[in-house]
C-alpha atoms as a PDB file:
ATOM      1  CA  UNK A   1     130.532 161.273 120.824  1.00  0.00           C
ATOM      2  CA  UNK A   2     131.520 164.485 122.574  1.00  0.00           C
ATOM      3  CA  UNK A   3     135.255 164.725 122.862  1.00  0.00           C
ATOM      4  CA  UNK A   4     137.623 165.240 125.750  1.00  0.00           C
ATOM      5  CA  UNK A   5     138.596 168.867 126.145  1.00  0.00           C
ATOM      6  CA  UNK A   6     142.006 169.656 124.714  1.00  0.00           C
ATOM      7  CA  UNK A   7     145.098 169.493 126.915  1.00  0.00           C
ATOM      8  CA  UNK A   8     146.027 173.111 127.659  1.00  0.00           C
ATOM      9  CA  UNK A   9     146.074 175.679 130.448  1.00  0.00           C
ATOM     10  CA  UNK A  10     143.131 177.842 129.392  1.00  0.00           C
ATOM     11  CA  UNK A  11     141.629 179.634 132.382  1.00  0.00           C
ATOM     12  CA  UNK A  12     138.683 182.000 132.354  1.00  0.00           C
ATOM     13  CA  UNK A  13     139.332 184.547 135.057  1.00  0.00           C
ATOM     14  CA  UNK A  14     136.542 185.760 137.353  1.00  0.00           C
ATOM     15  CA  UNK A  15     134.511 188.761 136.315  1.00  0.00           C
ATOM     16  CA  UNK A  16     132.983 191.415 138.519  1.00  0.00           C
ATOM     17  CA  UNK A  17     129.804 190.480 140.428  1.00  0.00           C
ATOM     18  CA  UNK A  18     127.791 193.130 138.574  1.00  0.00           C
ATOM     19  CA  UNK A  19     128.004 191.126 135.355  1.00  0.00           C
ATOM     20  CA  UNK A  20     127.210 187.733 136.752  1.00  0.00           C
ATOM     21  CA  UNK A  21     123.416 187.574 136.491  1.00  0.00           C
ATOM     22  CA  UNK A  22     121.557 187.173 133.214  1.00  0.00           C
ATOM     23  CA  UNK A  23     118.065 188.527 132.764  1.00  0.00           C
ATOM     24  CA  UNK A  24     115.160 186.245 133.546  1.00  0.00           C
ATOM     25  CA  UNK A  25     117.180 183.676 135.556  1.00  0.00           C
ATOM     26  CA  UNK A  26     116.898 183.093 139.278  1.00  0.00           C
ATOM     27  CA  UNK A  27     120.200 182.568 141.040  1.00  0.00           C
ATOM     28  CA  UNK A  28     121.360 181.958 144.583  1.00  0.00           C
ATOM     29  CA  UNK A  29     124.828 182.832 145.763  1.00  0.00           C
ATOM     30  CA  UNK A  30     127.021 180.158 147.276  1.00  0.00           C
ATOM     31  CA  UNK A  31     127.579 180.833 150.939  1.00  0.00           C
ATOM     32  CA  UNK A  32     130.754 178.782 150.723  1.00  0.00           C
ATOM     33  CA  UNK A  33     132.350 177.456 147.553  1.00  0.00           C
ATOM     34  CA  UNK A  34     132.992 174.243 149.416  1.00  0.00           C
ATOM     35  CA  UNK A  35     129.378 173.916 150.438  1.00  0.00           C
ATOM     36  CA  UNK A  36     126.386 172.316 148.773  1.00  0.00           C
ATOM     37  CA  UNK A  37     126.733 172.501 145.000  1.00  0.00           C
ATOM     38  CA  UNK A  38     122.966 172.302 144.646  1.00  0.00           C
ATOM     39  CA  UNK A  39     122.775 175.935 145.784  1.00  0.00           C
ATOM     40  CA  UNK A  40     125.190 177.059 143.094  1.00  0.00           C
ATOM     41  CA  UNK A  41     124.197 180.174 141.165  1.00  0.00           C
ATOM     42  CA  UNK A  42     125.568 181.976 138.168  1.00  0.00           C
ATOM     43  CA  UNK A  43     128.818 183.437 139.451  1.00  0.00           C
ATOM     44  CA  UNK A  44     131.935 183.894 137.354  1.00  0.00           C
ATOM     45  CA  UNK A  45     134.901 181.758 138.210  1.00  0.00           C
ATOM     46  CA  UNK A  46     137.800 179.681 136.998  1.00  0.00           C
ATOM     47  CA  UNK A  47     137.323 177.214 134.194  1.00  0.00           C
ATOM     48  CA  UNK A  48     140.305 174.960 133.761  1.00  0.00           C
ATOM     49  CA  UNK A  49     140.979 172.488 130.992  1.00  0.00           C
ATOM     50  CA  UNK A  50     143.311 169.503 131.201  1.00  0.00           C
ATOM     51  CA  UNK A  51     146.789 169.739 132.622  1.00  0.00           C
ATOM     52  CA  UNK A  52     149.669 167.413 133.408  1.00  0.00           C
ATOM     53  CA  UNK A  53     149.632 167.757 137.171  1.00  0.00           C
ATOM     54  CA  UNK A  54     150.093 164.646 139.315  1.00  0.00           C
ATOM     55  CA  UNK A  55     147.606 162.921 141.573  1.00  0.00           C
ATOM     56  CA  UNK A  56     148.329 162.018 145.170  1.00  0.00           C
ATOM     57  CA  UNK A  57     148.814 158.302 145.800  1.00  0.00           C
ATOM     58  CA  UNK A  58     146.535 158.428 148.825  1.00  0.00           C
ATOM     59  CA  UNK A  59     143.305 156.670 147.966  1.00  0.00           C
ATOM     60  CA  UNK A  60     141.467 158.581 150.659  1.00  0.00           C
ATOM     61  CA  UNK A  61     142.588 162.085 149.704  1.00  0.00           C
ATOM     62  CA  UNK A  62     139.692 164.304 148.713  1.00  0.00           C
ATOM     63  CA  UNK A  63     140.287 166.769 145.917  1.00  0.00           C
ATOM     64  CA  UNK A  64     137.344 169.045 146.651  1.00  0.00           C
ATOM     65  CA  UNK A  65     133.817 169.128 147.934  1.00  0.00           C
ATOM     66  CA  UNK A  66     131.866 165.876 147.638  1.00  0.00           C
ATOM     67  CA  UNK A  67     128.280 165.665 146.467  1.00  0.00           C
ATOM     68  CA  UNK A  68     126.398 162.400 147.050  1.00  0.00           C
ATOM     69  CA  UNK A  69     122.950 163.488 145.821  1.00  0.00           C
ATOM     70  CA  UNK A  70     121.770 161.824 142.633  1.00  0.00           C
ATOM     71  CA  UNK A  71     120.754 164.003 139.726  1.00  0.00           C
ATOM     72  CA  UNK A  72     118.931 161.257 137.841  1.00  0.00           C
ATOM     73  CA  UNK A  73     117.600 157.784 138.617  1.00  0.00           C
ATOM     74  CA  UNK A  74     116.289 156.249 135.405  1.00  0.00           C
ATOM     75  CA  UNK A  75     116.416 152.980 133.396  1.00  0.00           C
ATOM     76  CA  UNK A  76     118.152 151.264 136.326  1.00  0.00           C
ATOM     77  CA  UNK A  77     121.017 153.768 136.467  1.00  0.00           C
ATOM     78  CA  UNK A  78     121.800 156.586 138.870  1.00  0.00           C
ATOM     79  CA  UNK A  79     123.921 159.624 138.021  1.00  0.00           C
ATOM     80  CA  UNK A  80     125.654 161.722 140.629  1.00  0.00           C
ATOM     81  CA  UNK A  81     128.554 164.078 140.913  1.00  0.00           C
ATOM     82  CA  UNK A  82     131.961 162.440 141.209  1.00  0.00           C
ATOM     83  CA  UNK A  83     133.068 161.594 144.734  1.00  0.00           C
ATOM     84  CA  UNK A  84     136.426 163.289 144.578  1.00  0.00           C
ATOM     85  CA  UNK A  85     138.660 160.538 145.919  1.00  0.00           C
ATOM     86  CA  UNK A  86     141.685 159.139 144.158  1.00  0.00           C
ATOM     87  CA  UNK A  87     140.323 155.603 143.762  1.00  0.00           C
ATOM     88  CA  UNK A  88     137.071 156.810 142.198  1.00  0.00           C
ATOM     89  CA  UNK A  89     138.926 159.248 139.965  1.00  0.00           C
ATOM     90  CA  UNK A  90     141.002 156.341 138.664  1.00  0.00           C
ATOM     91  CA  UNK A  91     137.796 154.544 137.718  1.00  0.00           C
ATOM     92  CA  UNK A  92     136.651 157.614 135.782  1.00  0.00           C
ATOM     93  CA  UNK A  93     139.978 157.837 133.949  1.00  0.00           C
ATOM     94  CA  UNK A  94     139.702 154.165 133.034  1.00  0.00           C
ATOM     95  CA  UNK A  95     136.238 154.608 131.513  1.00  0.00           C
ATOM     96  CA  UNK A  96     137.258 157.649 129.446  1.00  0.00           C
ATOM     97  CA  UNK A  97     140.572 156.122 128.376  1.00  0.00           C
ATOM     98  CA  UNK A  98     138.798 152.985 127.140  1.00  0.00           C
ATOM     99  CA  UNK A  99     136.431 155.150 125.078  1.00  0.00           C
ATOM    100  CA  UNK A 100     138.908 157.659 123.615  1.00  0.00           C
ATOM    101  CA  UNK A 101     142.222 155.827 123.269  1.00  0.00           C
ATOM    102  CA  UNK A 102     143.141 155.134 119.656  1.00  0.00           C
ATOM    103  CA  UNK A 103     144.869 151.714 119.449  1.00  0.00           C
ATOM    104  CA  UNK A 104     148.324 151.528 117.890  1.00  0.00           C
ATOM    105  CA  UNK A 105     150.101 148.571 116.321  1.00  0.00           C
ATOM    106  CA  UNK A 106     153.106 148.515 118.655  1.00  0.00           C
ATOM    107  CA  UNK A 107     153.233 148.937 122.436  1.00  0.00           C
ATOM    108  CA  UNK A 108     149.492 149.570 122.632  1.00  0.00           C
ATOM    109  CA  UNK A 109     149.292 148.705 126.339  1.00  0.00           C
ATOM    110  CA  UNK A 110     152.037 151.216 127.127  1.00  0.00           C
ATOM    111  CA  UNK A 111     150.340 154.002 125.195  1.00  0.00           C
ATOM    112  CA  UNK A 112     146.975 153.166 126.746  1.00  0.00           C
ATOM    113  CA  UNK A 113     148.432 153.443 130.251  1.00  0.00           C
ATOM    114  CA  UNK A 114     150.102 156.725 129.335  1.00  0.00           C
ATOM    115  CA  UNK A 115     146.851 158.111 127.919  1.00  0.00           C
ATOM    116  CA  UNK A 116     144.939 156.995 131.001  1.00  0.00           C
ATOM    117  CA  UNK A 117     147.475 158.751 133.232  1.00  0.00           C
ATOM    118  CA  UNK A 118     147.026 161.966 131.232  1.00  0.00           C
ATOM    119  CA  UNK A 119     143.239 161.751 131.583  1.00  0.00           C
ATOM    120  CA  UNK A 120     143.620 161.210 135.321  1.00  0.00           C
ATOM    121  CA  UNK A 121     145.978 164.139 135.845  1.00  0.00           C
ATOM    122  CA  UNK A 122     143.730 166.414 133.808  1.00  0.00           C
ATOM    123  CA  UNK A 123     140.717 165.383 135.883  1.00  0.00           C
ATOM    124  CA  UNK A 124     142.602 166.048 139.124  1.00  0.00           C
ATOM    125  CA  UNK A 125     143.653 169.506 137.955  1.00  0.00           C
ATOM    126  CA  UNK A 126     140.133 170.488 136.922  1.00  0.00           C
ATOM    127  CA  UNK A 127     138.642 169.314 140.200  1.00  0.00           C
ATOM    128  CA  UNK A 128     141.224 171.168 142.271  1.00  0.00           C
ATOM    129  CA  UNK A 129     141.050 174.391 140.274  1.00  0.00           C
ATOM    130  CA  UNK A 130     137.387 174.829 139.348  1.00  0.00           C
ATOM    131  CA  UNK A 131     134.657 176.320 141.582  1.00  0.00           C
ATOM    132  CA  UNK A 132     131.855 173.814 142.215  1.00  0.00           C
ATOM    133  CA  UNK A 133     129.450 175.460 139.771  1.00  0.00           C
ATOM    134  CA  UNK A 134     131.924 175.924 136.915  1.00  0.00           C
ATOM    135  CA  UNK A 135     132.849 172.278 136.309  1.00  0.00           C
ATOM    136  CA  UNK A 136     131.436 168.887 137.236  1.00  0.00           C
ATOM    137  CA  UNK A 137     132.296 165.310 136.408  1.00  0.00           C
ATOM    138  CA  UNK A 138     129.142 163.196 136.489  1.00  0.00           C
ATOM    139  CA  UNK A 139     129.261 159.431 136.912  1.00  0.00           C
ATOM    140  CA  UNK A 140     126.717 156.655 136.396  1.00  0.00           C
ATOM    141  CA  UNK A 141     126.363 153.417 138.330  1.00  0.00           C
ATOM    142  CA  UNK A 142     123.743 150.731 138.805  1.00  0.00           C
ATOM    143  CA  UNK A 143     120.736 151.786 140.854  1.00  0.00           C
ATOM    144  CA  UNK A 144     119.768 148.318 142.026  1.00  0.00           C
ATOM    145  CA  UNK A 145     122.877 147.696 144.148  1.00  0.00           C
ATOM    146  CA  UNK A 146     122.032 148.847 147.677  1.00  0.00           C
ATOM    147  CA  UNK A 147     124.346 146.929 150.007  1.00  0.00           C
ATOM    148  CA  UNK A 148     127.441 149.115 149.401  1.00  0.00           C
ATOM    149  CA  UNK A 149     128.094 152.860 149.350  1.00  0.00           C
ATOM    150  CA  UNK A 150     127.912 154.815 146.090  1.00  0.00           C
ATOM    151  CA  UNK A 151     131.656 155.451 146.052  1.00  0.00           C
ATOM    152  CA  UNK A 152     132.276 151.678 146.100  1.00  0.00           C
ATOM    153  CA  UNK A 153     130.020 150.909 143.148  1.00  0.00           C
ATOM    154  CA  UNK A 154     131.482 150.344 139.707  1.00  0.00           C
ATOM    155  CA  UNK A 155     131.380 153.465 137.561  1.00  0.00           C
ATOM    156  CA  UNK A 156     130.019 152.498 134.135  1.00  0.00           C
ATOM    157  CA  UNK A 157     129.559 155.912 132.511  1.00  0.00           C
ATOM    158  CA  UNK A 158     131.090 159.386 132.709  1.00  0.00           C
ATOM    159  CA  UNK A 159     130.464 162.879 131.339  1.00  0.00           C
ATOM    160  CA  UNK A 160     132.196 166.232 131.903  1.00  0.00           C
ATOM    161  CA  UNK A 161     130.216 169.476 132.123  1.00  0.00           C
ATOM    162  CA  UNK A 162     132.105 172.783 131.940  1.00  0.00           C
ATOM    163  CA  UNK A 163     131.088 176.446 131.793  1.00  0.00           C
ATOM    164  CA  UNK A 164     132.629 177.995 128.658  1.00  0.00           C
ATOM    165  CA  UNK A 165     132.478 181.271 126.739  1.00  0.00           C
ATOM    166  CA  UNK A 166     133.843 180.222 123.330  1.00  0.00           C
ATOM    167  CA  UNK A 167     132.945 182.857 120.754  1.00  0.00           C
ATOM    168  CA  UNK A 168     132.514 180.227 118.028  1.00  0.00           C
ATOM    169  CA  UNK A 169     129.650 178.786 120.065  1.00  0.00           C
ATOM    170  CA  UNK A 170     128.257 182.082 121.377  1.00  0.00           C
ATOM    171  CA  UNK A 171     127.850 183.252 117.759  1.00  0.00           C
ATOM    172  CA  UNK A 172     125.042 180.665 117.462  1.00  0.00           C
ATOM    173  CA  UNK A 173     123.279 181.783 120.660  1.00  0.00           C
ATOM    174  CA  UNK A 174     121.080 184.849 121.295  1.00  0.00           C
ATOM    175  CA  UNK A 175     123.033 188.089 121.914  1.00  0.00           C
ATOM    176  CA  UNK A 176     122.188 188.089 125.627  1.00  0.00           C
ATOM    177  CA  UNK A 177     123.845 184.705 126.151  1.00  0.00           C
ATOM    178  CA  UNK A 178     127.291 185.233 127.646  1.00  0.00           C
ATOM    179  CA  UNK A 179     128.199 181.629 128.480  1.00  0.00           C
ATOM    180  CA  UNK A 180     126.919 178.081 128.264  1.00  0.00           C
ATOM    181  CA  UNK A 181     127.530 174.556 129.540  1.00  0.00           C
ATOM    182  CA  UNK A 182     129.755 172.422 127.360  1.00  0.00           C
ATOM    183  CA  UNK A 183     129.227 168.654 127.453  1.00  0.00           C
ATOM    184  CA  UNK A 184     132.332 166.597 126.714  1.00  0.00           C
ATOM    185  CA  UNK A 185     134.064 163.330 127.498  1.00  0.00           C
ATOM    186  CA  UNK A 186     130.878 161.255 127.580  1.00  0.00           C
ATOM    187  CA  UNK A 187     131.932 157.627 127.802  1.00  0.00           C
ATOM    188  CA  UNK A 188     130.422 154.259 128.723  1.00  0.00           C
ATOM    189  CA  UNK A 189     132.293 151.029 129.456  1.00  0.00           C
ATOM    190  CA  UNK A 190     132.139 148.657 126.498  1.00  0.00           C
ATOM    191  CA  UNK A 191     130.451 145.921 128.520  1.00  0.00           C
ATOM    192  CA  UNK A 192     127.596 148.301 129.426  1.00  0.00           C
ATOM    193  CA  UNK A 193     126.892 150.031 126.123  1.00  0.00           C
ATOM    194  CA  UNK A 194     123.451 150.068 124.469  1.00  0.00           C
ATOM    195  CA  UNK A 195     121.776 150.036 127.870  1.00  0.00           C
ATOM    196  CA  UNK A 196     120.644 153.699 127.891  1.00  0.00           C
ATOM    197  CA  UNK A 197     123.445 154.895 130.157  1.00  0.00           C
ATOM    198  CA  UNK A 198     124.467 157.681 127.768  1.00  0.00           C
ATOM    199  CA  UNK A 199     120.838 158.821 127.608  1.00  0.00           C
ATOM    200  CA  UNK A 200     120.709 159.035 131.410  1.00  0.00           C
ATOM    201  CA  UNK A 201     124.006 160.959 131.508  1.00  0.00           C
ATOM    202  CA  UNK A 202     122.639 163.535 129.045  1.00  0.00           C
ATOM    203  CA  UNK A 203     119.528 163.867 131.166  1.00  0.00           C
ATOM    204  CA  UNK A 204     121.732 164.563 134.192  1.00  0.00           C
ATOM    205  CA  UNK A 205     123.434 167.363 132.230  1.00  0.00           C
ATOM    206  CA  UNK A 206     120.001 168.915 131.706  1.00  0.00           C
ATOM    207  CA  UNK A 207     119.266 168.713 135.421  1.00  0.00           C
ATOM    208  CA  UNK A 208     122.614 170.300 136.239  1.00  0.00           C
ATOM    209  CA  UNK A 209     122.036 173.159 133.781  1.00  0.00           C
ATOM    210  CA  UNK A 210     118.739 173.909 135.507  1.00  0.00           C
ATOM    211  CA  UNK A 211     120.324 173.853 138.955  1.00  0.00           C
ATOM    212  CA  UNK A 212     123.156 176.127 137.848  1.00  0.00           C
ATOM    213  CA  UNK A 213     120.863 178.458 135.912  1.00  0.00           C
ATOM    214  CA  UNK A 214     122.299 178.001 132.411  1.00  0.00           C
ATOM    215  CA  UNK A 215     120.051 178.456 129.406  1.00  0.00           C
ATOM    216  CA  UNK A 216     122.076 176.601 126.757  1.00  0.00           C
ATOM    217  CA  UNK A 217     124.122 173.414 126.477  1.00  0.00           C
ATOM    218  CA  UNK A 218     126.495 172.546 123.645  1.00  0.00           C
ATOM    219  CA  UNK A 219     128.524 169.562 122.478  1.00  0.00           C
ATOM    220  CA  UNK A 220     130.444 168.378 119.437  1.00  0.00           C
ATOM    221  CA  UNK A 221     130.161 165.077 117.587  1.00  0.00           C
ATOM    222  CA  UNK A 222     131.761 163.562 114.510  1.00  0.00           C
ATOM    223  CA  UNK A 223     129.684 164.302 111.431  1.00  0.00           C
ATOM    224  CA  UNK A 224     129.728 160.669 110.285  1.00  0.00           C
ATOM    225  CA  UNK A 225     128.832 159.249 113.724  1.00  0.00           C
ATOM    226  CA  UNK A 226     125.154 158.913 112.946  1.00  0.00           C
ATOM    227  CA  UNK A 227     124.399 156.819 116.024  1.00  0.00           C
ATOM    228  CA  UNK A 228     125.752 159.450 118.402  1.00  0.00           C
ATOM    229  CA  UNK A 229     124.067 162.275 116.521  1.00  0.00           C
ATOM    230  CA  UNK A 230     120.742 160.446 116.690  1.00  0.00           C
ATOM    231  CA  UNK A 231     121.171 160.059 120.454  1.00  0.00           C
ATOM    232  CA  UNK A 232     121.929 163.757 120.922  1.00  0.00           C
ATOM    233  CA  UNK A 233     119.073 164.786 118.657  1.00  0.00           C
ATOM    234  CA  UNK A 234     116.677 162.679 120.729  1.00  0.00           C
ATOM    235  CA  UNK A 235     117.912 164.605 123.787  1.00  0.00           C
ATOM    236  CA  UNK A 236     117.066 167.923 122.116  1.00  0.00           C
ATOM    237  CA  UNK A 237     120.393 168.928 120.540  1.00  0.00           C
ATOM    238  CA  UNK A 238     120.372 170.456 117.058  1.00  0.00           C
ATOM    239  CA  UNK A 239     123.237 170.830 114.580  1.00  0.00           C
ATOM    240  CA  UNK A 240     124.125 174.506 114.089  1.00  0.00           C
ATOM    241  CA  UNK A 241     127.533 174.369 112.358  1.00  0.00           C
ATOM    242  CA  UNK A 242     130.511 172.194 111.463  1.00  0.00           C
ATOM    243  CA  UNK A 243     134.288 172.421 111.442  1.00  0.00           C
ATOM    244  CA  UNK A 244     135.660 174.372 108.445  1.00  0.00           C
ATOM    245  CA  UNK A 245     137.403 172.301 105.739  1.00  0.00           C
ATOM    246  CA  UNK A 246     140.846 173.770 106.449  1.00  0.00           C
ATOM    247  CA  UNK A 247     140.674 172.226 109.937  1.00  0.00           C
ATOM    248  CA  UNK A 248     139.379 168.845 108.782  1.00  0.00           C
ATOM    249  CA  UNK A 249     139.246 167.464 105.242  1.00  0.00           C
ATOM    250  CA  UNK A 250     142.188 169.506 103.973  1.00  0.00           C
ATOM    251  CA  UNK A 251     144.485 167.992 106.591  1.00  0.00           C
ATOM    252  CA  UNK A 252     142.886 164.548 106.859  1.00  0.00           C
ATOM    253  CA  UNK A 253     140.903 165.017 110.079  1.00  0.00           C
ATOM    254  CA  UNK A 254     137.323 163.922 110.639  1.00  0.00           C
ATOM    255  CA  UNK A 255     134.793 166.727 110.563  1.00  0.00           C
ATOM    256  CA  UNK A 256     132.836 167.544 113.716  1.00  0.00           C
ATOM    257  CA  UNK A 257     129.476 169.245 114.062  1.00  0.00           C
ATOM    258  CA  UNK A 258     128.435 171.625 116.810  1.00  0.00           C
ATOM    259  CA  UNK A 259     125.113 170.761 118.446  1.00  0.00           C
ATOM    260  CA  UNK A 260     123.213 173.051 120.819  1.00  0.00           C
ATOM    261  CA  UNK A 261     120.072 172.737 122.902  1.00  0.00           C
ATOM    262  CA  UNK A 262     118.117 175.064 125.134  1.00  0.00           C
ATOM    263  CA  UNK A 263     117.994 174.042 128.772  1.00  0.00           C
ATOM    264  CA  UNK A 264     114.820 172.567 130.180  1.00  0.00           C
ATOM    265  CA  UNK A 265     114.849 175.576 132.548  1.00  0.00           C
ATOM    266  CA  UNK A 266     113.464 177.642 129.680  1.00  0.00           C
ATOM    267  CA  UNK A 267     111.290 175.111 127.834  1.00  0.00           C
END
């Protein structure tokens, strides 16, 4: 599965407006960065990875603009942008922690709670620091429940989408490509797996790339995770490279492959 972005303070600073538009893509400027994210265009901005900042204890505190519109409604699941409230963010952290925590023999519950807290603080930092068309956390919930608001529904799947300009990825894209959307942190609650939620989340990433005007999406998966790779291949991703041996087999780490697809905007 795509991994959580590493814990560090990497920030891509804004560039001048004259370099923000790529050829052949239609873009619309945001009138207000706190306004509708559906009108987001290709403008340079901050891209923040995980941090160790703390989250307010107020369950009603909003961390940024809120988008309630659904990107996808398919197979009985709806995907929308995260409602940026503390209680919903805790649900997201729980889903990702369940998927990515590596169990340990002693004090596993303690380490799980610690890992979940780190995921939560990283999510809060990204939401506070990223313009609305540079980063999005997408969440999935059941489409058939209609008697409660979306923010009250159980979140069963999550995926992070971030604008990046990593040279190791850009080397596999056409020369005119200056940036791309990176898909990471895709996770589904154990009780809801094998019910096409991950497929719907990937479809929502495609929709978001079209709305934001990005031509390429990228993700990484473990080389030996054939189930995940089959899922990504069915969504249009193709393997273009893998981790070098000195970063994996030589030091006992599992090898990952880089997978890229062209956005439906251009297909």
